[in-house]
Every structure is written in C-alpha cells, then in structure tokens.
Amino acid sequence: MNEIVRYSWNKLFESTNIQIPNINGIIDINKINLITNYQTNYFLKHNEYNFFGVITLYYFENKYYLVDGHNLFYVMKKLYQDNGINYNCNVEII
C-alpha cells in the first residue's frame, strides 16, 4: 500500500533511519548544487522553498530505503544542515 505523507526535515534526516543502497544510480553533484542555489535564492526572496515532487522510501523489515528522489533528498538535507530550517516535504512510503 502506497501513501504520501508530509515529513518534517527534522524527522526525515534525524529520526528516520534511512538506508541508501549503492545500486540507486549516480548522484549528480552539479545538479544538487544548482538546485540548492536556486532554492536558497528563492527562500531569500519568498521566505519559503519551492519544492515539488516526492521522495520515495521503501519500508522493509523496520527500515526505510531511499528508492527515488536522491538528488532532491540530498538538496533538502544540505539545506537543513546548512541553515537549520525545519521545513516539510512530501514522502511516498511503499
């Protein structure tokens, strides 16, 4: 059963033990930096971020596995760690 829920970044990055399998593709550092810069500038102008889409986690044997939305996940994590802002995002649990 799939469901989309709202997670705070605090819960996503600090409370949820997310496993990131090595087989999930290449992380695009340039894309992450580009999106991070865009989101930072957007936040400075509008006092909110402009994220769309979802991060997809697979729940199995009491663990969460990141299966889609890797670049988005890393952008949000970087913004959370750099700025300490506890924002919300959409997470699909399958």
Protein backbone atom coordinates (compact mmCIF):
# COMPACT_ATOMS: atom_id res chain seq x y z
CA MET A 1 0.00 0.00 0.00
CA ASN A 2 1.47 3.34 -1.07
CA GLU A 3 0.85 6.52 0.82
CA ILE A 4 2.19 10.05 0.53
CA VAL A 5 2.83 11.78 3.85
CA ARG A 6 4.26 15.11 4.96
CA TYR A 7 7.55 14.73 6.82
CA SER A 8 9.44 17.48 8.58
CA TRP A 9 13.07 17.63 7.58
CA ASN A 10 13.95 17.03 11.23
CA LYS A 11 12.06 13.73 11.18
CA LEU A 12 13.38 12.75 7.77
CA PHE A 13 17.06 13.39 8.49
CA GLU A 14 17.40 12.81 12.22
CA SER A 15 14.63 10.49 13.39
CA THR A 16 14.19 8.17 10.43
CA ASN A 17 16.96 5.66 9.80
CA ILE A 18 17.14 5.81 6.01
CA GLN A 19 19.30 3.32 4.16
CA ILE A 20 20.71 4.46 0.83
CA PRO A 21 21.54 1.45 -1.37
CA ASN A 22 24.61 1.78 -3.60
CA ILE A 23 22.69 0.48 -6.62
CA ASN A 24 20.43 3.53 -6.90
CA GLY A 25 22.35 5.39 -9.56
CA ILE A 26 24.82 8.20 -9.65
CA ILE A 27 24.34 11.29 -7.54
CA ASP A 28 24.72 14.39 -9.72
CA ILE A 29 26.68 16.88 -7.57
CA ASN A 30 26.32 19.64 -10.17
CA LYS A 31 22.55 19.19 -10.21
CA ILE A 32 22.44 19.18 -6.41
CA ASN A 33 24.45 22.42 -6.25
CA LEU A 34 22.29 24.05 -8.93
CA ILE A 35 19.04 23.14 -7.17
CA THR A 36 20.46 24.15 -3.77
CA ASN A 37 21.43 27.58 -5.10
CA TYR A 38 18.02 28.03 -6.72
CA GLN A 39 16.20 27.05 -3.51
CA THR A 40 18.41 29.32 -1.38
CA ASN A 41 17.72 32.32 -3.62
CA TYR A 42 14.02 31.50 -3.75
CA PHE A 43 13.88 31.27 0.04
CA LEU A 44 15.62 34.63 0.44
CA LYS A 45 13.02 36.30 -1.80
CA HIS A 46 9.85 34.49 -0.63
CA ASN A 47 10.66 33.12 2.85
CA GLU A 48 9.75 29.62 1.68
CA TYR A 49 11.20 26.92 -0.54
CA ASN A 50 9.76 25.89 -3.91
CA PHE A 51 9.99 22.10 -3.89
CA PHE A 52 7.76 19.85 -5.94
CA GLY A 53 7.78 16.11 -6.30
CA VAL A 54 8.25 13.43 -3.67
CA ILE A 55 11.00 11.40 -2.08
CA THR A 56 10.16 7.70 -2.30
CA LEU A 57 11.05 5.38 0.57
CA TYR A 58 10.55 1.64 0.67
CA TYR A 59 9.73 0.30 4.14
CA PHE A 60 11.00 -3.22 4.77
CA GLU A 61 11.85 -5.04 8.00
CA ASN A 62 11.68 -1.87 10.13
CA LYS A 63 13.98 0.11 7.85
CA TYR A 64 13.42 2.78 5.23
CA TYR A 65 15.28 2.59 1.91
CA LEU A 66 15.61 5.58 -0.40
CA VAL A 67 14.48 4.36 -3.84
CA ASP A 68 13.69 7.58 -5.73
CA GLY A 69 14.33 11.28 -5.35
CA HIS A 70 18.02 11.03 -4.46
CA ASN A 71 19.03 14.47 -5.71
CA LEU A 72 16.01 16.04 -4.01
CA PHE A 73 16.86 14.20 -0.79
CA TYR A 74 20.44 15.49 -0.83
CA VAL A 75 19.36 19.08 -1.63
CA MET A 76 16.92 19.10 1.28
CA LYS A 77 19.47 17.53 3.60
CA LYS A 78 22.10 20.10 2.64
CA LEU A 79 19.71 23.00 3.17
CA TYR A 80 18.62 21.56 6.52
CA GLN A 81 22.19 21.05 7.71
CA ASP A 82 23.44 24.42 6.44
CA ASN A 83 20.50 26.57 7.56
CA GLY A 84 18.84 24.63 10.37
CA ILE A 85 15.38 25.36 8.99
CA ASN A 86 12.89 22.59 9.69
CA TYR A 87 10.78 22.56 6.52
CA ASN A 88 8.25 19.94 5.34
CA CYS A 89 8.33 17.71 2.27
CA ASN A 90 6.26 15.03 0.61
CA VAL A 91 7.42 11.45 1.12
CA GLU A 92 5.91 8.41 -0.56
CA ILE A 93 6.12 5.26 1.53
CA ILE A 94 5.84 1.96 -0.34
